[in-house]
């Protein structure tokens, strides 16, 4: 059975090469809904502030983790798809790593 590949494009915006990214991050399950929205908005604002564009943000809700992370057995899962200049990906990961509300994240560059 053949699998379909997702078509991705590199978009040139104001001289910057934007690439497609997909990121899943797990947020502390004990924070309020407003704090969860703030965390998601801060990720969104980081991408758009650096000249990127958000394609979609899907909030999967609270789910059980495969193994405990920082004493938590559940987490709020969020999937974000966006376009961003590759030069900012390392700073985004550093920002998420420093954040106390984000337990884990996985940033993937979608390729052709």
PDB file of N, CA and C in Angstrom:
ATOM      1  N   UNK A   1       0.840  -1.164   0.000  1.00  0.00           N
ATOM      2  CA  UNK A   1       0.000   0.000   0.000  1.00  0.00           C
ATOM      3  C   UNK A   1       0.895   1.240   0.000  1.00  0.00           C
ATOM      4  N   UNK A   2       0.655   2.130  -0.900  1.00  0.00           N
ATOM      5  CA  UNK A   2       1.456   3.345  -1.018  1.00  0.00           C
ATOM      6  C   UNK A   2       0.920   4.397  -0.058  1.00  0.00           C
ATOM      7  N   UNK A   3       1.828   5.131   0.541  1.00  0.00           N
ATOM      8  CA  UNK A   3       1.424   6.218   1.423  1.00  0.00           C
ATOM      9  C   UNK A   3       1.596   7.535   0.694  1.00  0.00           C
ATOM     10  N   UNK A   4       0.697   8.441   0.974  1.00  0.00           N
ATOM     11  CA  UNK A   4       0.770   9.757   0.350  1.00  0.00           C
ATOM     12  C   UNK A   4       1.660  10.656   1.170  1.00  0.00           C
ATOM     13  N   UNK A   5       2.480  11.413   0.487  1.00  0.00           N
ATOM     14  CA  UNK A   5       3.309  12.410   1.149  1.00  0.00           C
ATOM     15  C   UNK A   5       2.585  13.738   1.148  1.00  0.00           C
ATOM     16  N   UNK A   6       2.749  14.453   2.217  1.00  0.00           N
ATOM     17  CA  UNK A   6       2.182  15.785   2.300  1.00  0.00           C
ATOM     18  C   UNK A   6       3.025  16.731   1.466  1.00  0.00           C
ATOM     19  N   UNK A   7       2.393  17.518   0.632  1.00  0.00           N
ATOM     20  CA  UNK A   7       3.109  18.496  -0.178  1.00  0.00           C
ATOM     21  C   UNK A   7       3.507  19.674   0.698  1.00  0.00           C
ATOM     22  N   UNK A   8       4.781  19.980   0.730  1.00  0.00           N
ATOM     23  CA  UNK A   8       5.244  21.148   1.469  1.00  0.00           C
ATOM     24  C   UNK A   8       6.001  22.050   0.516  1.00  0.00           C
ATOM     25  N   UNK A   9       5.997  23.293   0.837  1.00  0.00           N
ATOM     26  CA  UNK A   9       6.680  24.267  -0.002  1.00  0.00           C
ATOM     27  C   UNK A   9       7.521  25.181   0.866  1.00  0.00           C
ATOM     28  N   UNK A  10       8.600  25.655   0.281  1.00  0.00           N
ATOM     29  CA  UNK A  10       9.386  26.697   0.914  1.00  0.00           C
ATOM     30  C   UNK A  10       8.888  28.010   0.349  1.00  0.00           C
ATOM     31  N   UNK A  11       8.418  28.881   1.204  1.00  0.00           N
ATOM     32  CA  UNK A  11       7.826  30.145   0.787  1.00  0.00           C
ATOM     33  C   UNK A  11       8.814  31.260   1.073  1.00  0.00           C
ATOM     34  N   UNK A  12       8.958  32.166   0.119  1.00  0.00           N
ATOM     35  CA  UNK A  12       9.863  33.296   0.275  1.00  0.00           C
ATOM     36  C   UNK A  12       9.044  34.523   0.651  1.00  0.00           C
ATOM     37  N   UNK A  13       9.198  34.989   1.893  1.00  0.00           N
ATOM     38  CA  UNK A  13       8.484  36.164   2.376  1.00  0.00           C
ATOM     39  C   UNK A  13       9.518  37.189   2.810  1.00  0.00           C
ATOM     40  N   UNK A  14       9.526  38.332   2.152  1.00  0.00           N
ATOM     41  CA  UNK A  14      10.445  39.424   2.460  1.00  0.00           C
ATOM     42  C   UNK A  14      11.895  38.954   2.518  1.00  0.00           C
ATOM     43  N   UNK A  15      12.286  38.106   1.592  1.00  0.00           N
ATOM     44  CA  UNK A  15      13.664  37.642   1.514  1.00  0.00           C
ATOM     45  C   UNK A  15      13.995  36.490   2.445  1.00  0.00           C
ATOM     46  N   UNK A  16      13.062  36.049   3.278  1.00  0.00           N
ATOM     47  CA  UNK A  16      13.293  34.934   4.192  1.00  0.00           C
ATOM     48  C   UNK A  16      12.699  33.652   3.618  1.00  0.00           C
ATOM     49  N   UNK A  17      13.422  32.572   3.730  1.00  0.00           N
ATOM     50  CA  UNK A  17      12.912  31.275   3.306  1.00  0.00           C
ATOM     51  C   UNK A  17      12.135  30.662   4.458  1.00  0.00           C
ATOM     52  N   UNK A  18      10.831  30.520   4.299  1.00  0.00           N
ATOM     53  CA  UNK A  18      10.002  29.919   5.335  1.00  0.00           C
ATOM     54  C   UNK A  18       9.820  28.439   5.029  1.00  0.00           C
ATOM     55  N   UNK A  19       9.977  27.621   6.038  1.00  0.00           N
ATOM     56  CA  UNK A  19       9.797  26.184   5.888  1.00  0.00           C
ATOM     57  C   UNK A  19       8.612  25.741   6.727  1.00  0.00           C
ATOM     58  N   UNK A  20       8.027  24.618   6.319  1.00  0.00           N
ATOM     59  CA  UNK A  20       6.902  24.040   7.061  1.00  0.00           C
ATOM     60  C   UNK A  20       7.415  23.272   8.270  1.00  0.00           C
ATOM     61  N   UNK A  21       6.761  23.501   9.416  1.00  0.00           N
ATOM     62  CA  UNK A  21       7.089  22.803  10.653  1.00  0.00           C
ATOM     63  C   UNK A  21       5.806  22.268  11.276  1.00  0.00           C
ATOM     64  N   UNK A  22       5.989  21.220  12.051  1.00  0.00           N
ATOM     65  CA  UNK A  22       4.910  20.674  12.853  1.00  0.00           C
ATOM     66  C   UNK A  22       5.478  20.459  14.245  1.00  0.00           C
ATOM     67  N   UNK A  23       4.737  20.877  15.249  1.00  0.00           N
ATOM     68  CA  UNK A  23       5.234  20.747  16.607  1.00  0.00           C
ATOM     69  C   UNK A  23       4.125  20.239  17.519  1.00  0.00           C
ATOM     70  N   UNK A  24       4.472  19.261  18.337  1.00  0.00           N
ATOM     71  CA  UNK A  24       3.591  18.783  19.388  1.00  0.00           C
ATOM     72  C   UNK A  24       4.242  19.157  20.703  1.00  0.00           C
ATOM     73  N   UNK A  25       3.481  19.776  21.582  1.00  0.00           N
ATOM     74  CA  UNK A  25       4.023  20.046  22.910  1.00  0.00           C
ATOM     75  C   UNK A  25       2.997  19.679  23.970  1.00  0.00           C
ATOM     76  N   UNK A  26       3.530  19.260  25.116  1.00  0.00           N
ATOM     77  CA  UNK A  26       2.708  18.808  26.237  1.00  0.00           C
ATOM     78  C   UNK A  26       2.833  19.850  27.345  1.00  0.00           C
ATOM     79  N   UNK A  27       1.685  20.335  27.771  1.00  0.00           N
ATOM     80  CA  UNK A  27       1.629  21.402  28.762  1.00  0.00           C
ATOM     81  C   UNK A  27       1.169  20.828  30.103  1.00  0.00           C
ATOM     82  N   UNK A  28       1.699  21.393  31.180  1.00  0.00           N
ATOM     83  CA  UNK A  28       1.363  21.014  32.551  1.00  0.00           C
ATOM     84  C   UNK A  28      -0.158  20.868  32.698  1.00  0.00           C
ATOM     85  N   UNK A  29      -0.651  19.714  33.192  1.00  0.00           N
ATOM     86  CA  UNK A  29      -2.093  19.509  33.300  1.00  0.00           C
ATOM     87  C   UNK A  29      -2.742  20.270  34.457  1.00  0.00           C
ATOM     88  N   UNK A  30      -1.939  20.796  35.377  1.00  0.00           N
ATOM     89  CA  UNK A  30      -2.492  21.464  36.548  1.00  0.00           C
ATOM     90  C   UNK A  30      -2.734  22.958  36.355  1.00  0.00           C
ATOM     91  N   UNK A  31      -2.334  23.517  35.202  1.00  0.00           N
ATOM     92  CA  UNK A  31      -2.547  24.946  34.993  1.00  0.00           C
ATOM     93  C   UNK A  31      -3.991  25.195  34.565  1.00  0.00           C
ATOM     94  N   UNK A  32      -4.442  26.421  34.756  1.00  0.00           N
ATOM     95  CA  UNK A  32      -5.815  26.780  34.394  1.00  0.00           C
ATOM     96  C   UNK A  32      -5.964  26.866  32.875  1.00  0.00           C
ATOM     97  N   UNK A  33      -7.208  26.931  32.434  1.00  0.00           N
ATOM     98  CA  UNK A  33      -7.483  27.056  30.994  1.00  0.00           C
ATOM     99  C   UNK A  33      -6.926  28.360  30.440  1.00  0.00           C
ATOM    100  N   UNK A  34      -6.983  29.433  31.242  1.00  0.00           N
ATOM    101  CA  UNK A  34      -6.442  30.710  30.786  1.00  0.00           C
ATOM    102  C   UNK A  34      -4.923  30.639  30.624  1.00  0.00           C
ATOM    103  N   UNK A  35      -4.258  29.952  31.555  1.00  0.00           N
ATOM    104  CA  UNK A  35      -2.801  29.803  31.472  1.00  0.00           C
ATOM    105  C   UNK A  35      -2.420  28.917  30.288  1.00  0.00           C
ATOM    106  N   UNK A  36      -3.237  27.917  29.990  1.00  0.00           N
ATOM    107  CA  UNK A  36      -3.000  27.079  28.807  1.00  0.00           C
ATOM    108  C   UNK A  36      -3.114  27.913  27.540  1.00  0.00           C
ATOM    109  N   UNK A  37      -4.160  28.744  27.462  1.00  0.00           N
ATOM    110  CA  UNK A  37      -4.326  29.636  26.313  1.00  0.00           C
ATOM    111  C   UNK A  37      -3.150  30.606  26.198  1.00  0.00           C
ATOM    112  N   UNK A  38      -2.670  31.105  27.317  1.00  0.00           N
ATOM    113  CA  UNK A  38      -1.532  32.018  27.321  1.00  0.00           C
ATOM    114  C   UNK A  38      -0.283  31.331  26.786  1.00  0.00           C
ATOM    115  N   UNK A  39      -0.061  30.084  27.192  1.00  0.00           N
ATOM    116  CA  UNK A  39       1.101  29.324  26.718  1.00  0.00           C
ATOM    117  C   UNK A  39       1.011  29.089  25.215  1.00  0.00           C
ATOM    118  N   UNK A  40      -0.156  28.696  24.736  1.00  0.00           N
ATOM    119  CA  UNK A  40      -0.345  28.467  23.302  1.00  0.00           C
ATOM    120  C   UNK A  40      -0.182  29.774  22.536  1.00  0.00           C
ATOM    121  N   UNK A  41      -0.727  30.858  23.074  1.00  0.00           N
ATOM    122  CA  UNK A  41      -0.594  32.169  22.423  1.00  0.00           C
ATOM    123  C   UNK A  41       0.847  32.645  22.398  1.00  0.00           C
ATOM    124  N   UNK A  42       1.618  32.327  23.427  1.00  0.00           N
ATOM    125  CA  UNK A  42       3.024  32.750  23.428  1.00  0.00           C
ATOM    126  C   UNK A  42       3.811  32.030  22.347  1.00  0.00           C
ATOM    127  N   UNK A  43       3.509  30.754  22.110  1.00  0.00           N
ATOM    128  CA  UNK A  43       4.155  30.023  21.006  1.00  0.00           C
ATOM    129  C   UNK A  43       3.730  30.634  19.674  1.00  0.00           C
ATOM    130  N   UNK A  44       2.446  30.900  19.538  1.00  0.00           N
ATOM    131  CA  UNK A  44       1.928  31.510  18.317  1.00  0.00           C
ATOM    132  C   UNK A  44       2.536  32.885  18.078  1.00  0.00           C
ATOM    133  N   UNK A  45       2.642  33.684  19.139  1.00  0.00           N
ATOM    134  CA  UNK A  45       3.228  35.018  19.016  1.00  0.00           C
ATOM    135  C   UNK A  45       4.710  34.960  18.679  1.00  0.00           C
ATOM    136  N   UNK A  46       5.418  33.957  19.183  1.00  0.00           N
ATOM    137  CA  UNK A  46       6.829  33.805  18.847  1.00  0.00           C
ATOM    138  C   UNK A  46       6.982  33.572  17.350  1.00  0.00           C
ATOM    139  N   UNK A  47       6.187  32.653  16.805  1.00  0.00           N
ATOM    140  CA  UNK A  47       6.287  32.320  15.376  1.00  0.00           C
ATOM    141  C   UNK A  47       5.918  33.520  14.518  1.00  0.00           C
ATOM    142  N   UNK A  48       4.810  34.163  14.813  1.00  0.00           N
ATOM    143  CA  UNK A  48       4.387  35.297  13.992  1.00  0.00           C
ATOM    144  C   UNK A  48       5.297  36.504  14.198  1.00  0.00           C
ATOM    145  N   UNK A  49       5.840  36.658  15.398  1.00  0.00           N
ATOM    146  CA  UNK A  49       6.751  37.763  15.671  1.00  0.00           C
ATOM    147  C   UNK A  49       8.073  37.645  14.923  1.00  0.00           C
ATOM    148  N   UNK A  50       8.446  36.442  14.558  1.00  0.00           N
ATOM    149  CA  UNK A  50       9.690  36.212  13.818  1.00  0.00           C
ATOM    150  C   UNK A  50       9.444  36.110  12.314  1.00  0.00           C
ATOM    151  N   UNK A  51       8.261  36.531  11.864  1.00  0.00           N
ATOM    152  CA  UNK A  51       7.960  36.546  10.435  1.00  0.00           C
ATOM    153  C   UNK A  51       7.343  35.265   9.909  1.00  0.00           C
ATOM    154  N   UNK A  52       6.921  34.375  10.800  1.00  0.00           N
ATOM    155  CA  UNK A  52       6.306  33.116  10.386  1.00  0.00           C
ATOM    156  C   UNK A  52       4.803  33.244  10.276  1.00  0.00           C
ATOM    157  N   UNK A  53       4.170  32.131   9.929  1.00  0.00           N
ATOM    158  CA  UNK A  53       2.719  32.104   9.791  1.00  0.00           C
ATOM    159  C   UNK A  53       2.181  30.795  10.363  1.00  0.00           C
ATOM    160  N   UNK A  54       1.167  30.890  11.199  1.00  0.00           N
ATOM    161  CA  UNK A  54       0.545  29.720  11.803  1.00  0.00           C
ATOM    162  C   UNK A  54      -0.479  29.151  10.820  1.00  0.00           C
ATOM    163  N   UNK A  55      -0.363  27.859  10.509  1.00  0.00           N
ATOM    164  CA  UNK A  55      -1.346  27.197   9.652  1.00  0.00           C
ATOM    165  C   UNK A  55      -2.522  26.711  10.478  1.00  0.00           C
ATOM    166  N   UNK A  56      -2.219  26.010  11.587  1.00  0.00           N
ATOM    167  CA  UNK A  56      -3.289  25.526  12.461  1.00  0.00           C
ATOM    168  C   UNK A  56      -2.733  25.195  13.835  1.00  0.00           C
ATOM    169  N   UNK A  57      -3.608  25.302  14.818  1.00  0.00           N
ATOM    170  CA  UNK A  57      -3.298  24.875  16.178  1.00  0.00           C
ATOM    171  C   UNK A  57      -4.461  24.022  16.648  1.00  0.00           C
ATOM    172  N   UNK A  58      -4.160  22.769  16.967  1.00  0.00           N
ATOM    173  CA  UNK A  58      -5.175  21.835  17.449  1.00  0.00           C
ATOM    174  C   UNK A  58      -4.882  21.505  18.905  1.00  0.00           C
ATOM    175  N   UNK A  59      -5.852  21.769  19.757  1.00  0.00           N
ATOM    176  CA  UNK A  59      -5.705  21.432  21.164  1.00  0.00           C
ATOM    177  C   UNK A  59      -6.386  20.091  21.382  1.00  0.00           C
ATOM    178  N   UNK A  60      -5.578  19.073  21.665  1.00  0.00           N
ATOM    179  CA  UNK A  60      -6.095  17.719  21.824  1.00  0.00           C
ATOM    180  C   UNK A  60      -6.679  17.472  23.200  1.00  0.00           C
ATOM    181  N   UNK A  61      -6.411  18.339  24.126  1.00  0.00           N
ATOM    182  CA  UNK A  61      -6.938  18.176  25.477  1.00  0.00           C
ATOM    183  C   UNK A  61      -6.019  17.364  26.363  1.00  0.00           C
ATOM    184  N   UNK A  62      -6.544  17.008  27.527  1.00  0.00           N
ATOM    185  CA  UNK A  62      -5.769  16.279  28.525  1.00  0.00           C
ATOM    186  C   UNK A  62      -5.760  14.793  28.173  1.00  0.00           C
ATOM    187  N   UNK A  63      -4.547  14.223  28.130  1.00  0.00           N
ATOM    188  CA  UNK A  63      -4.388  12.800  27.818  1.00  0.00           C
ATOM    189  C   UNK A  63      -3.381  12.179  28.760  1.00  0.00           C
ATOM    190  N   UNK A  64      -3.502  10.880  28.930  1.00  0.00           N
ATOM    191  CA  UNK A  64      -2.583  10.124  29.774  1.00  0.00           C
ATOM    192  C   UNK A  64      -1.243   9.977  29.065  1.00  0.00           C
ATOM    193  N   UNK A  65      -0.167  10.161  29.818  1.00  0.00           N
ATOM    194  CA  UNK A  65       1.180  10.022  29.283  1.00  0.00           C
ATOM    195  C   UNK A  65       1.605   8.552  29.328  1.00  0.00           C
ATOM    196  N   UNK A  66       2.493   8.166  28.424  1.00  0.00           N
ATOM    197  CA  UNK A  66       2.994   6.795  28.396  1.00  0.00           C
ATOM    198  C   UNK A  66       3.837   6.495  29.640  1.00  0.00           C
ATOM    199  N   UNK A  67       4.519   7.511  30.132  1.00  0.00           N
ATOM    200  CA  UNK A  67       5.322   7.380  31.354  1.00  0.00           C
ATOM    201  C   UNK A  67       5.318   8.728  32.063  1.00  0.00           C
ATOM    202  N   UNK A  68       5.527   8.735  33.373  1.00  0.00           N
ATOM    203  CA  UNK A  68       5.461  10.010  34.119  1.00  0.00           C
ATOM    204  C   UNK A  68       6.544  10.996  33.688  1.00  0.00           C
ATOM    205  N   UNK A  69       6.153  12.253  33.568  1.00  0.00           N
ATOM    206  CA  UNK A  69       7.070  13.351  33.267  1.00  0.00           C
ATOM    207  C   UNK A  69       6.974  14.357  34.398  1.00  0.00           C
ATOM    208  N   UNK A  70       8.057  14.574  35.092  1.00  0.00           N
ATOM    209  CA  UNK A  70       8.084  15.556  36.184  1.00  0.00           C
ATOM    210  C   UNK A  70       6.915  15.362  37.144  1.00  0.00           C
ATOM    211  N   UNK A  71       6.690  14.154  37.562  1.00  0.00           N
ATOM    212  CA  UNK A  71       5.638  13.727  38.496  1.00  0.00           C
ATOM    213  C   UNK A  71       4.220  13.786  37.925  1.00  0.00           C
ATOM    214  N   UNK A  72       4.059  14.090  36.656  1.00  0.00           N
ATOM    215  CA  UNK A  72       2.733  14.158  36.033  1.00  0.00           C
ATOM    216  C   UNK A  72       2.462  12.883  35.245  1.00  0.00           C
ATOM    217  N   UNK A  73       1.235  12.380  35.344  1.00  0.00           N
ATOM    218  CA  UNK A  73       0.851  11.209  34.560  1.00  0.00           C
ATOM    219  C   UNK A  73      -0.079  11.597  33.410  1.00  0.00           C
ATOM    220  N   UNK A  74      -0.484  12.867  33.368  1.00  0.00           N
ATOM    221  CA  UNK A  74      -1.312  13.402  32.287  1.00  0.00           C
ATOM    222  C   UNK A  74      -0.694  14.695  31.787  1.00  0.00           C
ATOM    223  N   UNK A  75      -1.149  15.128  30.607  1.00  0.00           N
ATOM    224  CA  UNK A  75      -0.686  16.392  30.056  1.00  0.00           C
ATOM    225  C   UNK A  75      -1.659  16.917  29.023  1.00  0.00           C
ATOM    226  N   UNK A  76      -1.650  18.223  28.824  1.00  0.00           N
ATOM    227  CA  UNK A  76      -2.456  18.853  27.775  1.00  0.00           C
ATOM    228  C   UNK A  76      -1.644  18.849  26.488  1.00  0.00           C
ATOM    229  N   UNK A  77      -2.126  18.140  25.486  1.00  0.00           N
ATOM    230  CA  UNK A  77      -1.422  18.028  24.205  1.00  0.00           C
ATOM    231  C   UNK A  77      -1.887  19.121  23.251  1.00  0.00           C
ATOM    232  N   UNK A  78      -0.922  19.710  22.545  1.00  0.00           N
ATOM    233  CA  UNK A  78      -1.218  20.744  21.548  1.00  0.00           C
ATOM    234  C   UNK A  78      -0.395  20.445  20.307  1.00  0.00           C
ATOM    235  N   UNK A  79      -1.039  20.462  19.137  1.00  0.00           N
ATOM    236  CA  UNK A  79      -0.377  20.271  17.849  1.00  0.00           C
ATOM    237  C   UNK A  79      -0.437  21.589  17.098  1.00  0.00           C
ATOM    238  N   UNK A  80       0.726  22.073  16.667  1.00  0.00           N
ATOM    239  CA  UNK A  80       0.795  23.328  15.913  1.00  0.00           C
ATOM    240  C   UNK A  80       1.489  23.073  14.579  1.00  0.00           C
ATOM    241  N   UNK A  81       0.932  23.604  13.508  1.00  0.00           N
ATOM    242  CA  UNK A  81       1.545  23.548  12.183  1.00  0.00           C
ATOM    243  C   UNK A  81       1.759  24.985  11.734  1.00  0.00           C
ATOM    244  N   UNK A  82       2.982  25.266  11.280  1.00  0.00           N
ATOM    245  CA  UNK A  82       3.307  26.641  10.926  1.00  0.00           C
ATOM    246  C   UNK A  82       4.459  26.688   9.938  1.00  0.00           C
ATOM    247  N   UNK A  83       4.667  27.883   9.378  1.00  0.00           N
ATOM    248  CA  UNK A  83       5.808  28.169   8.501  1.00  0.00           C
ATOM    249  C   UNK A  83       6.689  29.168   9.242  1.00  0.00           C
ATOM    250  N   UNK A  84       8.003  28.926   9.201  1.00  0.00           N
ATOM    251  CA  UNK A  84       8.924  29.783   9.924  1.00  0.00           C
ATOM    252  C   UNK A  84      10.295  29.724   9.270  1.00  0.00           C
ATOM    253  N   UNK A  85      11.060  30.792   9.441  1.00  0.00           N
ATOM    254  CA  UNK A  85      12.446  30.823   8.992  1.00  0.00           C
ATOM    255  C   UNK A  85      13.237  29.818   9.832  1.00  0.00           C
ATOM    256  N   UNK A  86      14.003  28.914   9.207  1.00  0.00           N
ATOM    257  CA  UNK A  86      14.744  27.899   9.957  1.00  0.00           C
ATOM    258  C   UNK A  86      15.728  28.464  10.975  1.00  0.00           C
ATOM    259  N   UNK A  87      16.159  29.689  10.791  1.00  0.00           N
ATOM    260  CA  UNK A  87      17.110  30.295  11.725  1.00  0.00           C
ATOM    261  C   UNK A  87      16.510  30.458  13.125  1.00  0.00           C
ATOM    262  N   UNK A  88      15.196  30.510  13.246  1.00  0.00           N
ATOM    263  CA  UNK A  88      14.541  30.733  14.533  1.00  0.00           C
ATOM    264  C   UNK A  88      14.136  29.447  15.235  1.00  0.00           C
ATOM    265  N   UNK A  89      14.308  28.298  14.605  1.00  0.00           N
ATOM    266  CA  UNK A  89      13.852  27.047  15.210  1.00  0.00           C
ATOM    267  C   UNK A  89      14.599  26.725  16.502  1.00  0.00           C
ATOM    268  N   UNK A  90      15.890  26.971  16.545  1.00  0.00           N
ATOM    269  CA  UNK A  90      16.681  26.684  17.749  1.00  0.00           C
ATOM    270  C   UNK A  90      16.234  27.576  18.908  1.00  0.00           C
ATOM    271  N   UNK A  91      15.957  28.849  18.618  1.00  0.00           N
ATOM    272  CA  UNK A  91      15.497  29.757  19.675  1.00  0.00           C
ATOM    273  C   UNK A  91      14.116  29.350  20.188  1.00  0.00           C
ATOM    274  N   UNK A  92      13.246  28.879  19.302  1.00  0.00           N
ATOM    275  CA  UNK A  92      11.929  28.398  19.720  1.00  0.00           C
ATOM    276  C   UNK A  92      12.076  27.207  20.658  1.00  0.00           C
ATOM    277  N   UNK A  93      12.931  26.267  20.296  1.00  0.00           N
ATOM    278  CA  UNK A  93      13.139  25.096  21.153  1.00  0.00           C
ATOM    279  C   UNK A  93      13.741  25.493  22.500  1.00  0.00           C
ATOM    280  N   UNK A  94      14.655  26.441  22.514  1.00  0.00           N
ATOM    281  CA  UNK A  94      15.244  26.913  23.765  1.00  0.00           C
ATOM    282  C   UNK A  94      14.184  27.565  24.641  1.00  0.00           C
ATOM    283  N   UNK A  95      13.315  28.356  24.043  1.00  0.00           N
ATOM    284  CA  UNK A  95      12.239  29.016  24.775  1.00  0.00           C
ATOM    285  C   UNK A  95      11.294  27.992  25.395  1.00  0.00           C
ATOM    286  N   UNK A  96      10.952  26.955  24.635  1.00  0.00           N
ATOM    287  CA  UNK A  96      10.058  25.913  25.155  1.00  0.00           C
ATOM    288  C   UNK A  96      10.739  25.096  26.253  1.00  0.00           C
ATOM    289  N   UNK A  97      12.037  24.869  26.110  1.00  0.00           N
ATOM    290  CA  UNK A  97      12.780  24.097  27.106  1.00  0.00           C
ATOM    291  C   UNK A  97      12.845  24.852  28.443  1.00  0.00           C
ATOM    292  N   UNK A  98      12.941  26.173  28.386  1.00  0.00           N
ATOM    293  CA  UNK A  98      13.014  27.000  29.588  1.00  0.00           C
ATOM    294  C   UNK A  98      11.644  27.128  30.265  1.00  0.00           C
ATOM    295  N   UNK A  99      10.583  27.071  29.483  1.00  0.00           N
ATOM    296  CA  UNK A  99       9.236  27.267  30.009  1.00  0.00           C
ATOM    297  C   UNK A  99       8.901  26.222  31.065  1.00  0.00           C
ATOM    298  N   UNK A 100       8.362  26.670  32.186  1.00  0.00           N
ATOM    299  CA  UNK A 100       7.984  25.754  33.266  1.00  0.00           C
ATOM    300  C   UNK A 100       6.674  25.038  32.962  1.00  0.00           C
ATOM    301  N   UNK A 101       5.836  25.606  32.098  1.00  0.00           N
ATOM    302  CA  UNK A 101       4.547  25.001  31.794  1.00  0.00           C
ATOM    303  C   UNK A 101       4.627  23.920  30.723  1.00  0.00           C
ATOM    304  N   UNK A 102       5.643  23.969  29.865  1.00  0.00           N
ATOM    305  CA  UNK A 102       5.783  22.980  28.801  1.00  0.00           C
ATOM    306  C   UNK A 102       6.636  21.824  29.317  1.00  0.00           C
ATOM    307  N   UNK A 103       6.017  20.630  29.383  1.00  0.00           N
ATOM    308  CA  UNK A 103       6.726  19.454  29.890  1.00  0.00           C
ATOM    309  C   UNK A 103       7.652  18.856  28.833  1.00  0.00           C
ATOM    310  N   UNK A 104       7.157  18.731  27.610  1.00  0.00           N
ATOM    311  CA  UNK A 104       7.937  18.178  26.502  1.00  0.00           C
ATOM    312  C   UNK A 104       7.472  18.834  25.208  1.00  0.00           C
ATOM    313  N   UNK A 105       8.355  18.822  24.211  1.00  0.00           N
ATOM    314  CA  UNK A 105       7.987  19.317  22.884  1.00  0.00           C
ATOM    315  C   UNK A 105       8.765  18.537  21.839  1.00  0.00           C
ATOM    316  N   UNK A 106       8.198  18.486  20.656  1.00  0.00           N
ATOM    317  CA  UNK A 106       8.854  17.848  19.520  1.00  0.00           C
ATOM    318  C   UNK A 106       8.587  18.719  18.297  1.00  0.00           C
ATOM    319  N   UNK A 107       9.654  19.301  17.756  1.00  0.00           N
ATOM    320  CA  UNK A 107       9.574  20.161  16.580  1.00  0.00           C
ATOM    321  C   UNK A 107      10.107  19.388  15.391  1.00  0.00           C
ATOM    322  N   UNK A 108       9.307  19.270  14.341  1.00  0.00           N
ATOM    323  CA  UNK A 108       9.685  18.516  13.152  1.00  0.00           C
ATOM    324  C   UNK A 108       9.585  19.409  11.939  1.00  0.00           C
ATOM    325  N   UNK A 109      10.655  19.435  11.139  1.00  0.00           N
ATOM    326  CA  UNK A 109      10.619  20.163   9.869  1.00  0.00           C
ATOM    327  C   UNK A 109      10.032  19.209   8.844  1.00  0.00           C
ATOM    328  N   UNK A 110       8.966  19.618   8.210  1.00  0.00           N
ATOM    329  CA  UNK A 110       8.344  18.801   7.176  1.00  0.00           C
ATOM    330  C   UNK A 110       9.126  18.973   5.885  1.00  0.00           C
ATOM    331  N   UNK A 111       9.474  17.877   5.269  1.00  0.00           N
ATOM    332  CA  UNK A 111      10.288  17.949   4.035  1.00  0.00           C
ATOM    333  C   UNK A 111       9.475  17.469   2.841  1.00  0.00           C
ATOM    334  N   UNK A 112      10.033  17.684   1.657  1.00  0.00           N
ATOM    335  CA  UNK A 112       9.371  17.299   0.404  1.00  0.00           C
ATOM    336  C   UNK A 112       9.296  15.805   0.249  1.00  0.00           C
TER     337      UNK A 112
END
